Amino acid sequence: MHRRRFLRRLGAAGGVAATTALAGCSAVGGDPGYDVGMVADAYRPAELTVSVGDTVVWENTSVRRHTVTAYGGGIPDAADYFASGGFDDEESAREAWPSDFGGALESGDRFSHTFEVPGRYDYVCIPHETGGMYATVFVEE
């Protein structure tokens, strides 16, 4: 269940019951089931370190549309390109956004990618790039 919906449903339960119900509700990204959340104009966390072979899951935790789009020059040479929408390169992802919101993740949508090559992976939310919505995954052996 989505954490915010869960909290709303708890409503007036408050106190010990709410504290007990939330015990164990944390992961790398601060919520179960995903590693990186998307708020109005940022990825949370903005930096994440994982191991080769790990799969990172992003979830749009805001009401705004977002993308997860790797910078073509911001990933290791031998690495697979990644972008929500399944684009093969950054140029294709950028071209698809203005015409039909290509790669958009609506509220609650998820995107995942498995990192097979060590290195630094820089990525961006295309519609919110000018507002500073970019982040990095560091992949270690």
N, C-alpha and C. Protein backbone atom coordinates (compact mmCIF):
# COMPACT_ATOMS: atom_id res chain seq x y z
N MET A 1 0.85 -1.18 0.00
CA MET A 1 0.00 0.00 0.00
C MET A 1 0.89 1.23 0.00
N HIS A 2 0.52 2.25 -0.69
CA HIS A 2 1.25 3.50 -0.75
C HIS A 2 1.24 4.16 0.62
N ARG A 3 2.39 4.59 1.09
CA ARG A 3 2.52 5.09 2.46
C ARG A 3 1.60 6.27 2.76
N ARG A 4 1.48 7.22 1.83
CA ARG A 4 0.64 8.39 2.10
C ARG A 4 -0.83 8.00 2.26
N ARG A 5 -1.28 7.08 1.39
CA ARG A 5 -2.66 6.61 1.52
C ARG A 5 -2.85 5.90 2.86
N PHE A 6 -1.86 5.13 3.24
CA PHE A 6 -1.91 4.42 4.51
C PHE A 6 -2.02 5.40 5.67
N LEU A 7 -1.20 6.46 5.61
CA LEU A 7 -1.23 7.45 6.69
C LEU A 7 -2.58 8.17 6.75
N ARG A 8 -3.15 8.49 5.56
CA ARG A 8 -4.47 9.14 5.56
C ARG A 8 -5.51 8.22 6.19
N ARG A 9 -5.44 6.93 5.87
CA ARG A 9 -6.41 5.99 6.41
C ARG A 9 -6.27 5.83 7.91
N LEU A 10 -5.04 5.97 8.40
CA LEU A 10 -4.85 5.89 9.84
C LEU A 10 -5.58 7.03 10.54
N GLY A 11 -5.56 8.19 9.88
CA GLY A 11 -6.28 9.36 10.39
C GLY A 11 -6.11 9.57 11.86
N ALA A 12 -7.19 9.46 12.58
CA ALA A 12 -7.18 9.75 14.00
C ALA A 12 -6.66 8.61 14.86
N ALA A 13 -6.22 7.52 14.25
CA ALA A 13 -5.72 6.39 15.04
C ALA A 13 -4.58 6.84 15.93
N GLY A 14 -3.66 7.65 15.36
CA GLY A 14 -2.59 8.28 16.11
C GLY A 14 -1.92 7.42 17.15
N GLY A 15 -1.14 8.08 18.01
CA GLY A 15 -0.51 7.47 19.17
C GLY A 15 0.24 6.19 18.90
N VAL A 16 0.15 5.27 19.85
CA VAL A 16 0.89 4.02 19.80
C VAL A 16 0.48 3.17 18.61
N ALA A 17 -0.79 3.15 18.29
CA ALA A 17 -1.25 2.33 17.16
C ALA A 17 -0.58 2.76 15.86
N ALA A 18 -0.50 4.05 15.61
CA ALA A 18 0.13 4.54 14.38
C ALA A 18 1.62 4.25 14.40
N THR A 19 2.26 4.45 15.54
CA THR A 19 3.69 4.20 15.63
C THR A 19 3.98 2.73 15.38
N THR A 20 3.20 1.87 15.96
CA THR A 20 3.38 0.43 15.78
C THR A 20 3.12 0.04 14.33
N ALA A 21 2.11 0.61 13.72
CA ALA A 21 1.76 0.26 12.35
C ALA A 21 2.85 0.66 11.38
N LEU A 22 3.61 1.73 11.70
CA LEU A 22 4.65 2.20 10.79
C LEU A 22 6.00 1.56 11.05
N ALA A 23 6.13 0.76 12.06
CA ALA A 23 7.41 0.13 12.36
C ALA A 23 7.87 -0.67 11.16
N GLY A 24 9.13 -0.47 10.78
CA GLY A 24 9.69 -1.22 9.66
C GLY A 24 9.36 -0.64 8.30
N CYS A 25 8.73 0.52 8.21
CA CYS A 25 8.38 1.12 6.92
C CYS A 25 9.52 1.99 6.42
N SER A 26 10.65 1.38 6.15
CA SER A 26 11.73 2.18 5.57
C SER A 26 12.56 1.32 4.65
N ALA A 27 13.15 1.97 3.66
CA ALA A 27 14.06 1.33 2.73
C ALA A 27 15.06 2.39 2.33
N VAL A 28 15.89 2.12 1.35
CA VAL A 28 16.90 3.07 0.93
C VAL A 28 16.27 4.42 0.63
N GLY A 29 15.17 4.45 -0.10
CA GLY A 29 14.52 5.70 -0.47
C GLY A 29 13.56 6.22 0.57
N GLY A 30 13.48 5.56 1.73
CA GLY A 30 12.63 6.05 2.80
C GLY A 30 11.23 5.48 2.77
N ASP A 31 10.94 4.57 1.89
CA ASP A 31 9.61 3.98 1.80
C ASP A 31 9.77 2.57 1.25
N PRO A 32 8.96 1.63 1.66
CA PRO A 32 9.13 0.27 1.18
C PRO A 32 8.83 0.14 -0.31
N GLY A 33 9.58 -0.73 -0.97
CA GLY A 33 9.27 -1.05 -2.35
C GLY A 33 9.99 -0.23 -3.40
N TYR A 34 10.64 0.85 -3.04
CA TYR A 34 11.41 1.59 -4.03
C TYR A 34 12.65 2.18 -3.38
N ASP A 35 13.61 2.56 -4.23
CA ASP A 35 14.88 3.09 -3.75
C ASP A 35 14.97 4.60 -3.88
N VAL A 36 14.35 5.15 -4.94
CA VAL A 36 14.40 6.59 -5.19
C VAL A 36 12.97 7.08 -5.41
N GLY A 37 12.57 8.06 -4.63
CA GLY A 37 11.26 8.69 -4.80
C GLY A 37 11.40 9.98 -5.58
N MET A 38 10.31 10.43 -6.16
CA MET A 38 10.29 11.68 -6.91
C MET A 38 9.30 12.61 -6.25
N VAL A 39 9.79 13.76 -5.78
CA VAL A 39 8.93 14.79 -5.23
C VAL A 39 8.75 15.85 -6.29
N ALA A 40 8.11 16.96 -5.97
CA ALA A 40 7.76 17.97 -6.98
C ALA A 40 8.91 18.36 -7.89
N ASP A 41 10.11 18.53 -7.34
CA ASP A 41 11.21 19.00 -8.17
C ASP A 41 12.55 18.36 -7.80
N ALA A 42 12.51 17.14 -7.27
CA ALA A 42 13.76 16.47 -6.88
C ALA A 42 13.57 14.97 -6.78
N TYR A 43 14.69 14.28 -6.90
CA TYR A 43 14.75 12.85 -6.60
C TYR A 43 15.22 12.73 -5.16
N ARG A 44 14.65 11.79 -4.42
CA ARG A 44 15.04 11.55 -3.03
C ARG A 44 15.39 10.10 -2.87
N PRO A 45 16.65 9.74 -2.59
CA PRO A 45 17.80 10.62 -2.43
C PRO A 45 18.37 11.04 -3.79
N ALA A 46 19.13 12.13 -3.76
CA ALA A 46 19.74 12.64 -4.98
C ALA A 46 20.97 11.83 -5.37
N GLU A 47 21.54 11.12 -4.42
CA GLU A 47 22.67 10.23 -4.69
C GLU A 47 22.39 8.90 -4.03
N LEU A 48 22.70 7.84 -4.76
CA LEU A 48 22.46 6.48 -4.27
C LEU A 48 23.65 5.63 -4.69
N THR A 49 24.15 4.81 -3.77
CA THR A 49 25.25 3.91 -4.08
C THR A 49 24.74 2.47 -4.01
N VAL A 50 24.99 1.71 -5.07
CA VAL A 50 24.55 0.32 -5.16
C VAL A 50 25.71 -0.53 -5.65
N SER A 51 25.51 -1.84 -5.68
CA SER A 51 26.52 -2.77 -6.17
C SER A 51 26.17 -3.22 -7.58
N VAL A 52 27.20 -3.65 -8.32
CA VAL A 52 26.98 -4.22 -9.65
C VAL A 52 25.94 -5.34 -9.53
N GLY A 53 24.97 -5.34 -10.43
CA GLY A 53 23.92 -6.35 -10.43
C GLY A 53 22.67 -5.95 -9.67
N ASP A 54 22.73 -4.83 -8.92
CA ASP A 54 21.55 -4.36 -8.19
C ASP A 54 20.56 -3.69 -9.12
N THR A 55 19.29 -3.84 -8.80
CA THR A 55 18.22 -3.17 -9.52
C THR A 55 17.72 -2.01 -8.68
N VAL A 56 17.67 -0.84 -9.27
CA VAL A 56 17.16 0.35 -8.59
C VAL A 56 15.74 0.59 -9.08
N VAL A 57 14.85 0.88 -8.14
CA VAL A 57 13.45 1.16 -8.46
C VAL A 57 13.16 2.61 -8.09
N TRP A 58 12.64 3.35 -9.07
CA TRP A 58 12.20 4.72 -8.86
C TRP A 58 10.68 4.71 -8.79
N GLU A 59 10.10 5.51 -7.91
CA GLU A 59 8.64 5.67 -7.88
C GLU A 59 8.30 7.15 -7.86
N ASN A 60 7.34 7.51 -8.71
CA ASN A 60 6.85 8.89 -8.70
C ASN A 60 5.94 9.04 -7.49
N THR A 61 6.44 9.73 -6.48
CA THR A 61 5.70 9.92 -5.24
C THR A 61 5.04 11.30 -5.18
N SER A 62 5.01 11.98 -6.31
CA SER A 62 4.38 13.31 -6.37
C SER A 62 3.18 13.26 -7.31
N VAL A 63 2.52 14.39 -7.46
CA VAL A 63 1.37 14.46 -8.37
C VAL A 63 1.78 14.96 -9.75
N ARG A 64 3.04 15.37 -9.91
CA ARG A 64 3.54 15.86 -11.18
C ARG A 64 4.10 14.72 -12.02
N ARG A 65 4.06 14.85 -13.32
CA ARG A 65 4.69 13.87 -14.21
C ARG A 65 6.20 14.05 -14.14
N HIS A 66 6.91 12.93 -14.14
CA HIS A 66 8.37 12.94 -14.12
C HIS A 66 8.91 11.91 -15.09
N THR A 67 10.21 12.03 -15.38
CA THR A 67 10.91 11.00 -16.14
C THR A 67 12.17 10.61 -15.38
N VAL A 68 12.70 9.48 -15.74
CA VAL A 68 14.04 9.05 -15.32
C VAL A 68 14.78 8.88 -16.63
N THR A 69 15.72 9.78 -16.91
CA THR A 69 16.39 9.82 -18.21
C THR A 69 17.90 9.96 -18.01
N ALA A 70 18.65 8.93 -18.36
CA ALA A 70 20.10 8.99 -18.23
C ALA A 70 20.67 10.03 -19.19
N TYR A 71 21.68 10.74 -18.72
CA TYR A 71 22.44 11.60 -19.61
C TYR A 71 23.32 10.68 -20.45
N GLY A 72 23.24 10.78 -21.77
CA GLY A 72 24.01 9.91 -22.64
C GLY A 72 25.50 9.94 -22.35
N GLY A 73 26.03 11.10 -22.05
CA GLY A 73 27.45 11.24 -21.73
C GLY A 73 27.74 11.09 -20.25
N GLY A 74 26.72 10.76 -19.47
CA GLY A 74 26.87 10.68 -18.02
C GLY A 74 26.79 9.28 -17.46
N ILE A 75 27.03 8.29 -18.33
CA ILE A 75 27.05 6.89 -17.88
C ILE A 75 28.33 6.25 -18.43
N PRO A 76 28.79 5.17 -17.79
CA PRO A 76 30.00 4.51 -18.30
C PRO A 76 29.85 4.05 -19.75
N ASP A 77 30.94 4.06 -20.49
CA ASP A 77 30.92 3.70 -21.91
C ASP A 77 30.30 2.34 -22.19
N ALA A 78 30.58 1.36 -21.35
CA ALA A 78 30.10 -0.01 -21.60
C ALA A 78 28.69 -0.27 -21.03
N ALA A 79 28.10 0.73 -20.42
CA ALA A 79 26.81 0.55 -19.75
C ALA A 79 25.64 0.64 -20.71
N ASP A 80 24.55 -0.07 -20.35
CA ASP A 80 23.30 0.05 -21.10
C ASP A 80 22.64 1.37 -20.77
N TYR A 81 22.11 2.03 -21.80
CA TYR A 81 21.38 3.27 -21.59
C TYR A 81 20.04 2.96 -20.91
N PHE A 82 19.56 3.88 -20.06
CA PHE A 82 18.26 3.68 -19.41
C PHE A 82 17.44 4.95 -19.41
N ALA A 83 16.14 4.77 -19.58
CA ALA A 83 15.21 5.89 -19.52
C ALA A 83 13.80 5.33 -19.38
N SER A 84 13.00 5.99 -18.55
CA SER A 84 11.59 5.60 -18.49
C SER A 84 11.02 5.81 -19.88
N GLY A 85 10.21 4.91 -20.33
CA GLY A 85 9.71 4.96 -21.70
C GLY A 85 10.48 4.04 -22.62
N GLY A 86 11.61 3.48 -22.13
CA GLY A 86 12.36 2.50 -22.90
C GLY A 86 13.16 3.06 -24.07
N PHE A 87 13.52 4.30 -24.03
CA PHE A 87 14.26 4.92 -25.13
C PHE A 87 15.68 4.38 -25.20
N ASP A 88 16.24 4.36 -26.41
CA ASP A 88 17.59 3.84 -26.63
C ASP A 88 18.68 4.87 -26.38
N ASP A 89 18.31 6.15 -26.35
CA ASP A 89 19.30 7.19 -26.14
C ASP A 89 18.62 8.46 -25.62
N GLU A 90 19.43 9.37 -25.13
CA GLU A 90 18.92 10.61 -24.55
C GLU A 90 18.19 11.46 -25.58
N GLU A 91 18.72 11.53 -26.78
CA GLU A 91 18.09 12.34 -27.82
C GLU A 91 16.66 11.89 -28.10
N SER A 92 16.45 10.59 -28.21
CA SER A 92 15.10 10.06 -28.46
C SER A 92 14.16 10.39 -27.30
N ALA A 93 14.65 10.27 -26.09
CA ALA A 93 13.83 10.57 -24.91
C ALA A 93 13.44 12.05 -24.90
N ARG A 94 14.39 12.91 -25.21
CA ARG A 94 14.09 14.36 -25.22
C ARG A 94 13.11 14.72 -26.33
N GLU A 95 13.24 14.10 -27.48
CA GLU A 95 12.33 14.38 -28.59
C GLU A 95 10.91 13.92 -28.29
N ALA A 96 10.76 12.86 -27.52
CA ALA A 96 9.43 12.30 -27.23
C ALA A 96 8.67 13.10 -26.18
N TRP A 97 9.37 13.83 -25.33
CA TRP A 97 8.67 14.54 -24.25
C TRP A 97 7.71 15.61 -24.75
N PRO A 98 8.13 16.56 -25.58
CA PRO A 98 7.22 17.65 -25.96
C PRO A 98 6.01 17.21 -26.79
N SER A 99 6.16 16.14 -27.55
CA SER A 99 5.07 15.74 -28.43
C SER A 99 3.99 14.93 -27.73
N ASP A 100 4.39 14.01 -26.85
CA ASP A 100 3.38 13.17 -26.21
C ASP A 100 3.75 12.75 -24.78
N PHE A 101 4.57 13.55 -24.12
CA PHE A 101 5.02 13.25 -22.75
C PHE A 101 5.68 11.87 -22.68
N GLY A 102 6.46 11.54 -23.70
CA GLY A 102 7.14 10.25 -23.76
C GLY A 102 8.00 10.00 -22.55
N GLY A 103 7.85 8.83 -21.97
CA GLY A 103 8.63 8.45 -20.79
C GLY A 103 8.04 8.92 -19.49
N ALA A 104 6.87 9.56 -19.54
CA ALA A 104 6.27 10.13 -18.32
C ALA A 104 5.89 9.03 -17.33
N LEU A 105 6.19 9.30 -16.09
CA LEU A 105 5.75 8.47 -14.98
C LEU A 105 4.71 9.28 -14.22
N GLU A 106 3.50 8.78 -14.18
CA GLU A 106 2.43 9.44 -13.43
C GLU A 106 2.58 9.11 -11.94
N SER A 107 1.86 9.78 -11.11
CA SER A 107 1.90 9.53 -9.67
C SER A 107 1.69 8.04 -9.39
N GLY A 108 2.60 7.46 -8.63
CA GLY A 108 2.51 6.04 -8.28
C GLY A 108 3.18 5.10 -9.26
N ASP A 109 3.54 5.59 -10.46
CA ASP A 109 4.21 4.74 -11.44
C ASP A 109 5.65 4.46 -11.01
N ARG A 110 6.15 3.32 -11.45
CA ARG A 110 7.51 2.92 -11.14
C ARG A 110 8.30 2.62 -12.40
N PHE A 111 9.62 2.78 -12.27
CA PHE A 111 10.57 2.44 -13.32
C PHE A 111 11.76 1.77 -12.62
N SER A 112 12.33 0.76 -13.26
CA SER A 112 13.49 0.11 -12.66
C SER A 112 14.57 -0.14 -13.71
N HIS A 113 15.79 -0.24 -13.21
CA HIS A 113 16.93 -0.53 -14.08
C HIS A 113 17.95 -1.31 -13.27
N THR A 114 18.52 -2.34 -13.90
CA THR A 114 19.58 -3.13 -13.28
C THR A 114 20.92 -2.64 -13.79
N PHE A 115 21.82 -2.34 -12.86
CA PHE A 115 23.12 -1.77 -13.19
C PHE A 115 24.17 -2.88 -13.23
N GLU A 116 24.74 -3.11 -14.42
CA GLU A 116 25.69 -4.21 -14.63
C GLU A 116 27.14 -3.75 -14.74
N VAL A 117 27.36 -2.45 -14.88
CA VAL A 117 28.71 -1.92 -15.08
C VAL A 117 29.01 -0.92 -13.97
N PRO A 118 30.16 -1.06 -13.28
CA PRO A 118 30.48 -0.10 -12.23
C PRO A 118 30.72 1.30 -12.81
N GLY A 119 30.46 2.31 -11.99
CA GLY A 119 30.72 3.68 -12.40
C GLY A 119 29.65 4.64 -11.92
N ARG A 120 29.71 5.83 -12.47
CA ARG A 120 28.78 6.91 -12.11
C ARG A 120 27.73 7.04 -13.21
N TYR A 121 26.45 7.13 -12.78
CA TYR A 121 25.32 7.25 -13.70
C TYR A 121 24.54 8.51 -13.34
N ASP A 122 24.62 9.52 -14.18
CA ASP A 122 23.88 10.76 -13.97
C ASP A 122 22.58 10.71 -14.76
N TYR A 123 21.50 11.16 -14.15
CA TYR A 123 20.21 11.14 -14.84
C TYR A 123 19.39 12.37 -14.46
N VAL A 124 18.31 12.58 -15.20
CA VAL A 124 17.54 13.81 -15.10
C VAL A 124 16.05 13.54 -15.30
N CYS A 125 15.24 14.44 -14.80
CA CYS A 125 13.82 14.49 -15.14
C CYS A 125 13.70 15.56 -16.22
N ILE A 126 13.36 15.15 -17.43
CA ILE A 126 13.35 16.09 -18.55
C ILE A 126 12.50 17.34 -18.29
N PRO A 127 11.24 17.22 -17.86
CA PRO A 127 10.45 18.46 -17.69
C PRO A 127 10.90 19.34 -16.53
N HIS A 128 11.69 18.81 -15.61
CA HIS A 128 12.09 19.59 -14.44
C HIS A 128 13.61 19.79 -14.36
N GLU A 129 14.28 19.58 -15.46
CA GLU A 129 15.74 19.74 -15.49
C GLU A 129 16.16 21.17 -15.15
N THR A 130 15.48 22.16 -15.71
CA THR A 130 15.87 23.54 -15.44
C THR A 130 15.66 23.92 -13.98
N GLY A 131 14.80 23.18 -13.28
CA GLY A 131 14.59 23.40 -11.85
C GLY A 131 15.57 22.63 -10.98
N GLY A 132 16.49 21.90 -11.61
CA GLY A 132 17.53 21.19 -10.87
C GLY A 132 17.20 19.76 -10.51
N MET A 133 16.25 19.14 -11.22
CA MET A 133 15.89 17.76 -10.89
C MET A 133 16.77 16.79 -11.65
N TYR A 134 17.91 16.51 -11.06
CA TYR A 134 18.84 15.53 -11.59
C TYR A 134 19.48 14.82 -10.41
N ALA A 135 20.03 13.64 -10.65
CA ALA A 135 20.58 12.85 -9.56
C ALA A 135 21.63 11.88 -10.11
N THR A 136 22.20 11.09 -9.20
CA THR A 136 23.30 10.20 -9.56
C THR A 136 23.17 8.86 -8.84
N VAL A 137 23.45 7.79 -9.57
CA VAL A 137 23.61 6.46 -8.99
C VAL A 137 25.07 6.10 -9.15
N PHE A 138 25.72 5.73 -8.04
CA PHE A 138 27.09 5.24 -8.06
C PHE A 138 27.02 3.72 -7.93
N VAL A 139 27.68 3.03 -8.87
CA VAL A 139 27.65 1.57 -8.88
C VAL A 139 29.06 1.08 -8.57
N GLU A 140 29.15 0.30 -7.50
CA GLU A 140 30.45 -0.22 -7.05
C GLU A 140 30.52 -1.73 -7.26
N GLU A 141 31.74 -2.22 -7.43
CA GLU A 141 31.93 -3.67 -7.56
C GLU A 141 31.90 -4.34 -6.21
